[in-house]
PDB file of N, CA and C in Angstrom:
ATOM      1  N   UNK A   1    -117.151 -33.465 -44.615  1.00  0.00           N
ATOM      2  CA  UNK A   1    -115.804 -33.928 -44.836  1.00  0.00           C
ATOM      3  C   UNK A   1    -115.621 -34.207 -46.326  1.00  0.00           C
ATOM      4  N   UNK A   2    -114.467 -33.841 -46.850  1.00  0.00           N
ATOM      5  CA  UNK A   2    -114.188 -34.033 -48.263  1.00  0.00           C
ATOM      6  C   UNK A   2    -113.831 -35.482 -48.559  1.00  0.00           C
ATOM      7  N   UNK A   3    -114.224 -35.928 -49.728  1.00  0.00           N
ATOM      8  CA  UNK A   3    -113.848 -37.279 -50.123  1.00  0.00           C
ATOM      9  C   UNK A   3    -112.598 -37.230 -51.006  1.00  0.00           C
ATOM     10  N   UNK A   4    -112.109 -38.377 -51.378  1.00  0.00           N
ATOM     11  CA  UNK A   4    -110.860 -38.460 -52.142  1.00  0.00           C
ATOM     12  C   UNK A   4    -110.970 -37.750 -53.492  1.00  0.00           C
ATOM     13  N   UNK A   5    -112.107 -37.851 -54.163  1.00  0.00           N
ATOM     14  CA  UNK A   5    -112.277 -37.216 -55.463  1.00  0.00           C
ATOM     15  C   UNK A   5    -112.162 -35.698 -55.350  1.00  0.00           C
ATOM     16  N   UNK A   6    -112.751 -35.119 -54.308  1.00  0.00           N
ATOM     17  CA  UNK A   6    -112.657 -33.669 -54.114  1.00  0.00           C
ATOM     18  C   UNK A   6    -111.216 -33.248 -53.845  1.00  0.00           C
ATOM     19  N   UNK A   7    -110.479 -34.054 -53.071  1.00  0.00           N
ATOM     20  CA  UNK A   7    -109.062 -33.751 -52.830  1.00  0.00           C
ATOM     21  C   UNK A   7    -108.266 -33.826 -54.125  1.00  0.00           C
ATOM     22  N   UNK A   8    -108.551 -34.840 -54.949  1.00  0.00           N
ATOM     23  CA  UNK A   8    -107.842 -34.984 -56.222  1.00  0.00           C
ATOM     24  C   UNK A   8    -108.111 -33.789 -57.127  1.00  0.00           C
ATOM     25  N   UNK A   9    -109.363 -33.353 -57.196  1.00  0.00           N
ATOM     26  CA  UNK A   9    -109.709 -32.183 -58.000  1.00  0.00           C
ATOM     27  C   UNK A   9    -108.993 -30.934 -57.482  1.00  0.00           C
ATOM     28  N   UNK A  10    -108.966 -30.772 -56.161  1.00  0.00           N
ATOM     29  CA  UNK A  10    -108.275 -29.636 -55.554  1.00  0.00           C
ATOM     30  C   UNK A  10    -106.796 -29.658 -55.919  1.00  0.00           C
ATOM     31  N   UNK A  11    -106.166 -30.817 -55.816  1.00  0.00           N
ATOM     32  CA  UNK A  11    -104.742 -30.948 -56.116  1.00  0.00           C
ATOM     33  C   UNK A  11    -104.454 -30.601 -57.577  1.00  0.00           C
ATOM     34  N   UNK A  12    -105.275 -31.105 -58.483  1.00  0.00           N
ATOM     35  CA  UNK A  12    -105.085 -30.836 -59.909  1.00  0.00           C
ATOM     36  C   UNK A  12    -105.228 -29.348 -60.203  1.00  0.00           C
ATOM     37  N   UNK A  13    -106.276 -28.726 -59.653  1.00  0.00           N
ATOM     38  CA  UNK A  13    -106.500 -27.303 -59.915  1.00  0.00           C
ATOM     39  C   UNK A  13    -105.429 -26.439 -59.265  1.00  0.00           C
ATOM     40  N   UNK A  14    -105.014 -26.778 -58.056  1.00  0.00           N
ATOM     41  CA  UNK A  14    -103.967 -26.019 -57.378  1.00  0.00           C
ATOM     42  C   UNK A  14    -102.670 -26.071 -58.170  1.00  0.00           C
ATOM     43  N   UNK A  15    -102.311 -27.245 -58.647  1.00  0.00           N
ATOM     44  CA  UNK A  15    -101.086 -27.398 -59.431  1.00  0.00           C
ATOM     45  C   UNK A  15    -101.168 -26.593 -60.724  1.00  0.00           C
ATOM     46  N   UNK A  16    -102.310 -26.667 -61.410  1.00  0.00           N
ATOM     47  CA  UNK A  16    -102.472 -25.940 -62.667  1.00  0.00           C
ATOM     48  C   UNK A  16    -102.400 -24.430 -62.448  1.00  0.00           C
ATOM     49  N   UNK A  17    -103.063 -23.938 -61.418  1.00  0.00           N
ATOM     50  CA  UNK A  17    -103.048 -22.496 -61.153  1.00  0.00           C
ATOM     51  C   UNK A  17    -101.648 -22.012 -60.776  1.00  0.00           C
ATOM     52  N   UNK A  18    -100.920 -22.822 -60.020  1.00  0.00           N
ATOM     53  CA  UNK A  18     -99.562 -22.428 -59.658  1.00  0.00           C
ATOM     54  C   UNK A  18     -98.668 -22.396 -60.896  1.00  0.00           C
ATOM     55  N   UNK A  19     -98.792 -23.393 -61.762  1.00  0.00           N
ATOM     56  CA  UNK A  19     -97.980 -23.411 -62.985  1.00  0.00           C
ATOM     57  C   UNK A  19     -98.334 -22.234 -63.887  1.00  0.00           C
ATOM     58  N   UNK A  20     -99.608 -21.849 -63.933  1.00  0.00           N
ATOM     59  CA  UNK A  20    -100.007 -20.664 -64.695  1.00  0.00           C
ATOM     60  C   UNK A  20     -99.365 -19.410 -64.109  1.00  0.00           C
ATOM     61  N   UNK A  21     -99.338 -19.310 -62.783  1.00  0.00           N
ATOM     62  CA  UNK A  21     -98.705 -18.169 -62.126  1.00  0.00           C
ATOM     63  C   UNK A  21     -97.212 -18.116 -62.442  1.00  0.00           C
ATOM     64  N   UNK A  22     -96.544 -19.256 -62.395  1.00  0.00           N
ATOM     65  CA  UNK A  22     -95.113 -19.308 -62.703  1.00  0.00           C
ATOM     66  C   UNK A  22     -94.870 -18.862 -64.142  1.00  0.00           C
ATOM     67  N   UNK A  23     -95.660 -19.369 -65.067  1.00  0.00           N
ATOM     68  CA  UNK A  23     -95.510 -18.987 -66.477  1.00  0.00           C
ATOM     69  C   UNK A  23     -95.711 -17.490 -66.657  1.00  0.00           C
ATOM     70  N   UNK A  24     -96.729 -16.950 -65.990  1.00  0.00           N
ATOM     71  CA  UNK A  24     -96.988 -15.515 -66.084  1.00  0.00           C
ATOM     72  C   UNK A  24     -95.823 -14.713 -65.509  1.00  0.00           C
ATOM     73  N   UNK A  25     -95.313 -15.128 -64.347  1.00  0.00           N
ATOM     74  CA  UNK A  25     -94.216 -14.399 -63.706  1.00  0.00           C
ATOM     75  C   UNK A  25     -92.957 -14.421 -64.564  1.00  0.00           C
ATOM     76  N   UNK A  26     -92.654 -15.554 -65.170  1.00  0.00           N
ATOM     77  CA  UNK A  26     -91.472 -15.660 -66.032  1.00  0.00           C
ATOM     78  C   UNK A  26     -91.627 -14.755 -67.252  1.00  0.00           C
ATOM     79  N   UNK A  27     -92.806 -14.718 -67.829  1.00  0.00           N
ATOM     80  CA  UNK A  27     -93.035 -13.941 -69.045  1.00  0.00           C
ATOM     81  C   UNK A  27     -93.148 -12.442 -68.798  1.00  0.00           C
ATOM     82  N   UNK A  28     -93.613 -12.030 -67.619  1.00  0.00           N
ATOM     83  CA  UNK A  28     -93.916 -10.619 -67.388  1.00  0.00           C
ATOM     84  C   UNK A  28     -92.994  -9.922 -66.397  1.00  0.00           C
ATOM     85  N   UNK A  29     -91.909 -10.537 -66.003  1.00  0.00           N
ATOM     86  CA  UNK A  29     -90.993  -9.885 -65.064  1.00  0.00           C
ATOM     87  C   UNK A  29     -90.407  -8.642 -65.728  1.00  0.00           C
ATOM     88  N   UNK A  30     -90.512  -7.467 -65.089  1.00  0.00           N
ATOM     89  CA  UNK A  30     -90.032  -6.228 -65.706  1.00  0.00           C
ATOM     90  C   UNK A  30     -88.513  -6.211 -65.916  1.00  0.00           C
ATOM     91  N   UNK A  31     -87.765  -6.759 -64.991  1.00  0.00           N
ATOM     92  CA  UNK A  31     -86.304  -6.753 -65.090  1.00  0.00           C
ATOM     93  C   UNK A  31     -85.854  -8.132 -65.563  1.00  0.00           C
ATOM     94  N   UNK A  32     -85.318  -8.208 -66.774  1.00  0.00           N
ATOM     95  CA  UNK A  32     -84.944  -9.499 -67.344  1.00  0.00           C
ATOM     96  C   UNK A  32     -83.495  -9.881 -67.071  1.00  0.00           C
ATOM     97  N   UNK A  33     -82.841  -9.174 -66.170  1.00  0.00           N
ATOM     98  CA  UNK A  33     -81.466  -9.563 -65.839  1.00  0.00           C
ATOM     99  C   UNK A  33     -81.371  -9.760 -64.339  1.00  0.00           C
ATOM    100  N   UNK A  34     -81.171 -10.896 -63.804  1.00  0.00           N
ATOM    101  CA  UNK A  34     -81.150 -12.169 -64.520  1.00  0.00           C
ATOM    102  C   UNK A  34     -82.575 -12.641 -64.794  1.00  0.00           C
ATOM    103  N   UNK A  35     -82.770 -13.404 -65.839  1.00  0.00           N
ATOM    104  CA  UNK A  35     -84.130 -13.869 -66.157  1.00  0.00           C
ATOM    105  C   UNK A  35     -84.610 -14.930 -65.173  1.00  0.00           C
ATOM    106  N   UNK A  36     -85.911 -14.963 -64.977  1.00  0.00           N
ATOM    107  CA  UNK A  36     -86.511 -16.003 -64.138  1.00  0.00           C
ATOM    108  C   UNK A  36     -86.677 -17.279 -64.953  1.00  0.00           C
ATOM    109  N   UNK A  37     -86.670 -18.385 -64.252  1.00  0.00           N
ATOM    110  CA  UNK A  37     -86.995 -19.659 -64.894  1.00  0.00           C
ATOM    111  C   UNK A  37     -87.939 -20.417 -63.974  1.00  0.00           C
ATOM    112  N   UNK A  38     -88.515 -21.465 -64.475  1.00  0.00           N
ATOM    113  CA  UNK A  38     -89.423 -22.283 -63.681  1.00  0.00           C
ATOM    114  C   UNK A  38     -88.710 -22.876 -62.470  1.00  0.00           C
ATOM    115  N   UNK A  39     -87.425 -23.145 -62.600  1.00  0.00           N
ATOM    116  CA  UNK A  39     -86.650 -23.723 -61.496  1.00  0.00           C
ATOM    117  C   UNK A  39     -86.547 -22.766 -60.311  1.00  0.00           C
ATOM    118  N   UNK A  40     -86.667 -21.473 -60.551  1.00  0.00           N
ATOM    119  CA  UNK A  40     -86.599 -20.496 -59.463  1.00  0.00           C
ATOM    120  C   UNK A  40     -87.776 -20.623 -58.501  1.00  0.00           C
ATOM    121  N   UNK A  41     -88.804 -21.307 -58.909  1.00  0.00           N
ATOM    122  CA  UNK A  41     -90.008 -21.445 -58.102  1.00  0.00           C
ATOM    123  C   UNK A  41     -90.120 -22.819 -57.447  1.00  0.00           C
ATOM    124  N   UNK A  42     -89.047 -23.598 -57.467  1.00  0.00           N
ATOM    125  CA  UNK A  42     -89.118 -24.974 -56.977  1.00  0.00           C
ATOM    126  C   UNK A  42     -89.463 -25.040 -55.488  1.00  0.00           C
ATOM    127  N   UNK A  43     -88.856 -24.193 -54.667  1.00  0.00           N
ATOM    128  CA  UNK A  43     -89.149 -24.200 -53.234  1.00  0.00           C
ATOM    129  C   UNK A  43     -90.604 -23.814 -52.983  1.00  0.00           C
ATOM    130  N   UNK A  44     -91.068 -22.783 -53.672  1.00  0.00           N
ATOM    131  CA  UNK A  44     -92.470 -22.373 -53.528  1.00  0.00           C
ATOM    132  C   UNK A  44     -93.402 -23.479 -54.005  1.00  0.00           C
ATOM    133  N   UNK A  45     -93.016 -24.159 -55.083  1.00  0.00           N
ATOM    134  CA  UNK A  45     -93.830 -25.255 -55.614  1.00  0.00           C
ATOM    135  C   UNK A  45     -93.999 -26.352 -54.566  1.00  0.00           C
ATOM    136  N   UNK A  46     -92.909 -26.712 -53.896  1.00  0.00           N
ATOM    137  CA  UNK A  46     -92.973 -27.759 -52.871  1.00  0.00           C
ATOM    138  C   UNK A  46     -93.875 -27.343 -51.715  1.00  0.00           C
ATOM    139  N   UNK A  47     -93.758 -26.091 -51.282  1.00  0.00           N
ATOM    140  CA  UNK A  47     -94.580 -25.609 -50.170  1.00  0.00           C
ATOM    141  C   UNK A  47     -96.058 -25.548 -50.551  1.00  0.00           C
ATOM    142  N   UNK A  48     -96.353 -25.087 -51.744  1.00  0.00           N
ATOM    143  CA  UNK A  48     -97.742 -25.014 -52.202  1.00  0.00           C
ATOM    144  C   UNK A  48     -98.345 -26.408 -52.310  1.00  0.00           C
ATOM    145  N   UNK A  49     -97.568 -27.358 -52.808  1.00  0.00           N
ATOM    146  CA  UNK A  49     -98.090 -28.715 -52.979  1.00  0.00           C
ATOM    147  C   UNK A  49     -98.323 -29.411 -51.639  1.00  0.00           C
ATOM    148  N   UNK A  50     -97.676 -28.936 -50.580  1.00  0.00           N
ATOM    149  CA  UNK A  50     -97.956 -29.486 -49.253  1.00  0.00           C
ATOM    150  C   UNK A  50     -99.404 -29.217 -48.847  1.00  0.00           C
ATOM    151  N   UNK A  51     -99.971 -28.135 -49.374  1.00  0.00           N
ATOM    152  CA  UNK A  51    -101.371 -27.814 -49.076  1.00  0.00           C
ATOM    153  C   UNK A  51    -102.320 -28.852 -49.658  1.00  0.00           C
ATOM    154  N   UNK A  52    -101.879 -29.518 -50.702  1.00  0.00           N
ATOM    155  CA  UNK A  52    -102.745 -30.471 -51.386  1.00  0.00           C
ATOM    156  C   UNK A  52    -102.588 -31.892 -50.862  1.00  0.00           C
ATOM    157  N   UNK A  53    -101.741 -32.079 -49.868  1.00  0.00           N
ATOM    158  CA  UNK A  53    -101.574 -33.421 -49.311  1.00  0.00           C
ATOM    159  C   UNK A  53    -102.884 -33.808 -48.647  1.00  0.00           C
ATOM    160  N   UNK A  54    -103.387 -34.949 -49.027  1.00  0.00           N
ATOM    161  CA  UNK A  54    -104.692 -35.347 -48.512  1.00  0.00           C
ATOM    162  C   UNK A  54    -104.543 -36.141 -47.227  1.00  0.00           C
ATOM    163  N   UNK A  55    -105.224 -35.690 -46.234  1.00  0.00           N
ATOM    164  CA  UNK A  55    -105.275 -36.400 -44.963  1.00  0.00           C
ATOM    165  C   UNK A  55    -106.745 -36.482 -44.586  1.00  0.00           C
ATOM    166  N   UNK A  56    -107.396 -37.508 -45.086  1.00  0.00           N
ATOM    167  CA  UNK A  56    -108.840 -37.625 -44.906  1.00  0.00           C
ATOM    168  C   UNK A  56    -109.227 -38.002 -43.485  1.00  0.00           C
ATOM    169  N   UNK A  57    -108.266 -38.409 -42.662  1.00  0.00           N
ATOM    170  CA  UNK A  57    -108.571 -38.831 -41.295  1.00  0.00           C
ATOM    171  C   UNK A  57    -108.328 -37.735 -40.264  1.00  0.00           C
ATOM    172  N   UNK A  58    -107.912 -36.550 -40.693  1.00  0.00           N
ATOM    173  CA  UNK A  58    -107.567 -35.506 -39.725  1.00  0.00           C
ATOM    174  C   UNK A  58    -108.786 -35.085 -38.903  1.00  0.00           C
ATOM    175  N   UNK A  59    -109.958 -35.053 -39.497  1.00  0.00           N
ATOM    176  CA  UNK A  59    -111.157 -34.696 -38.749  1.00  0.00           C
ATOM    177  C   UNK A  59    -111.475 -35.712 -37.674  1.00  0.00           C
ATOM    178  N   UNK A  60    -111.265 -36.975 -37.981  1.00  0.00           N
ATOM    179  CA  UNK A  60    -111.505 -38.025 -36.995  1.00  0.00           C
ATOM    180  C   UNK A  60    -110.503 -37.930 -35.847  1.00  0.00           C
ATOM    181  N   UNK A  61    -109.249 -37.643 -36.155  1.00  0.00           N
ATOM    182  CA  UNK A  61    -108.245 -37.506 -35.100  1.00  0.00           C
ATOM    183  C   UNK A  61    -108.556 -36.307 -34.213  1.00  0.00           C
ATOM    184  N   UNK A  62    -108.934 -35.187 -34.827  1.00  0.00           N
ATOM    185  CA  UNK A  62    -109.240 -33.996 -34.040  1.00  0.00           C
ATOM    186  C   UNK A  62    -110.495 -34.184 -33.204  1.00  0.00           C
ATOM    187  N   UNK A  63    -111.439 -34.991 -33.659  1.00  0.00           N
ATOM    188  CA  UNK A  63    -112.665 -35.226 -32.906  1.00  0.00           C
ATOM    189  C   UNK A  63    -112.388 -36.025 -31.632  1.00  0.00           C
ATOM    190  N   UNK A  64    -111.303 -36.786 -31.609  1.00  0.00           N
ATOM    191  CA  UNK A  64    -110.965 -37.594 -30.438  1.00  0.00           C
ATOM    192  C   UNK A  64    -110.380 -36.750 -29.313  1.00  0.00           C
ATOM    193  N   UNK A  65    -109.875 -35.575 -29.631  1.00  0.00           N
ATOM    194  CA  UNK A  65    -109.287 -34.696 -28.618  1.00  0.00           C
ATOM    195  C   UNK A  65    -110.392 -33.777 -28.099  1.00  0.00           C
ATOM    196  N   UNK A  66    -110.709 -33.847 -26.803  1.00  0.00           N
ATOM    197  CA  UNK A  66    -111.778 -32.991 -26.276  1.00  0.00           C
ATOM    198  C   UNK A  66    -111.365 -31.516 -26.273  1.00  0.00           C
ATOM    199  N   UNK A  67    -112.340 -30.664 -26.393  1.00  0.00           N
ATOM    200  CA  UNK A  67    -112.107 -29.224 -26.344  1.00  0.00           C
ATOM    201  C   UNK A  67    -111.720 -28.811 -24.923  1.00  0.00           C
ATOM    202  N   UNK A  68    -111.035 -27.674 -24.756  1.00  0.00           N
ATOM    203  CA  UNK A  68    -110.686 -27.220 -23.409  1.00  0.00           C
ATOM    204  C   UNK A  68    -111.904 -27.036 -22.507  1.00  0.00           C
ATOM    205  N   UNK A  69    -113.037 -26.639 -23.070  1.00  0.00           N
ATOM    206  CA  UNK A  69    -114.255 -26.483 -22.272  1.00  0.00           C
ATOM    207  C   UNK A  69    -114.773 -27.820 -21.760  1.00  0.00           C
ATOM    208  N   UNK A  70    -114.325 -28.904 -22.382  1.00  0.00           N
ATOM    209  CA  UNK A  70    -114.725 -30.252 -21.966  1.00  0.00           C
ATOM    210  C   UNK A  70    -113.618 -30.919 -21.149  1.00  0.00           C
ATOM    211  N   UNK A  71    -112.811 -30.102 -20.471  1.00  0.00           N
ATOM    212  CA  UNK A  71    -111.672 -30.552 -19.666  1.00  0.00           C
ATOM    213  C   UNK A  71    -110.578 -31.200 -20.506  1.00  0.00           C
ATOM    214  N   UNK A  72    -110.493 -30.822 -21.761  1.00  0.00           N
ATOM    215  CA  UNK A  72    -109.413 -31.287 -22.630  1.00  0.00           C
ATOM    216  C   UNK A  72    -108.213 -30.362 -22.517  1.00  0.00           C
ATOM    217  N   UNK A  73    -107.110 -30.726 -23.119  1.00  0.00           N
ATOM    218  CA  UNK A  73    -105.904 -29.898 -23.032  1.00  0.00           C
ATOM    219  C   UNK A  73    -106.074 -28.600 -23.817  1.00  0.00           C
ATOM    220  N   UNK A  74    -105.439 -27.538 -23.317  1.00  0.00           N
ATOM    221  CA  UNK A  74    -105.463 -26.274 -24.036  1.00  0.00           C
ATOM    222  C   UNK A  74    -104.456 -26.282 -25.177  1.00  0.00           C
ATOM    223  N   UNK A  75    -103.431 -27.128 -25.058  1.00  0.00           N
ATOM    224  CA  UNK A  75    -102.388 -27.190 -26.074  1.00  0.00           C
ATOM    225  C   UNK A  75    -101.989 -28.642 -26.271  1.00  0.00           C
ATOM    226  N   UNK A  76    -101.894 -29.061 -27.514  1.00  0.00           N
ATOM    227  CA  UNK A  76    -101.438 -30.409 -27.840  1.00  0.00           C
ATOM    228  C   UNK A  76    -100.152 -30.264 -28.635  1.00  0.00           C
ATOM    229  N   UNK A  77     -99.048 -30.755 -28.086  1.00  0.00           N
ATOM    230  CA  UNK A  77     -97.759 -30.638 -28.751  1.00  0.00           C
ATOM    231  C   UNK A  77     -97.674 -31.661 -29.878  1.00  0.00           C
ATOM    232  N   UNK A  78     -97.671 -31.164 -31.102  1.00  0.00           N
ATOM    233  CA  UNK A  78     -97.597 -32.042 -32.260  1.00  0.00           C
ATOM    234  C   UNK A  78     -96.167 -32.247 -32.738  1.00  0.00           C
ATOM    235  N   UNK A  79     -95.241 -31.470 -32.202  1.00  0.00           N
ATOM    236  CA  UNK A  79     -93.834 -31.568 -32.584  1.00  0.00           C
ATOM    237  C   UNK A  79     -92.986 -31.753 -31.336  1.00  0.00           C
ATOM    238  N   UNK A  80     -92.923 -32.962 -30.806  1.00  0.00           N
ATOM    239  CA  UNK A  80     -92.140 -33.165 -29.590  1.00  0.00           C
ATOM    240  C   UNK A  80     -90.653 -32.927 -29.844  1.00  0.00           C
ATOM    241  N   UNK A  81     -89.951 -32.571 -28.789  1.00  0.00           N
ATOM    242  CA  UNK A  81     -88.512 -32.313 -28.902  1.00  0.00           C
ATOM    243  C   UNK A  81     -87.786 -33.597 -29.286  1.00  0.00           C
ATOM    244  N   UNK A  82     -86.729 -33.480 -30.079  1.00  0.00           N
ATOM    245  CA  UNK A  82     -85.978 -34.677 -30.455  1.00  0.00           C
ATOM    246  C   UNK A  82     -85.242 -35.265 -29.263  1.00  0.00           C
ATOM    247  N   UNK A  83     -84.935 -36.525 -29.366  1.00  0.00           N
ATOM    248  CA  UNK A  83     -84.200 -37.207 -28.311  1.00  0.00           C
ATOM    249  C   UNK A  83     -82.791 -36.630 -28.236  1.00  0.00           C
ATOM    250  N   UNK A  84     -82.325 -36.311 -27.035  1.00  0.00           N
ATOM    251  CA  UNK A  84     -80.986 -35.679 -26.940  1.00  0.00           C
ATOM    252  C   UNK A  84     -79.859 -36.587 -27.352  1.00  0.00           C
TER     253      UNK A  84
END
């Protein structure tokens, strides 16, 4: 299991690599009309940064749910329907 320091390092490197990709894409786009800007990548930035959200307890939560071979559920609904 990863500790907090490893998650922090992952987050820092992921952010840096994404910003490098954005800079490269803005500078090397073949068609400059309309030009790209860093703001054009805001939605992608948010989605990529979701990968770096640290949840150090997820392994413990998953360990509490028995496998289907151990008479556990085959499906666990993590997104219940909203109240009508």
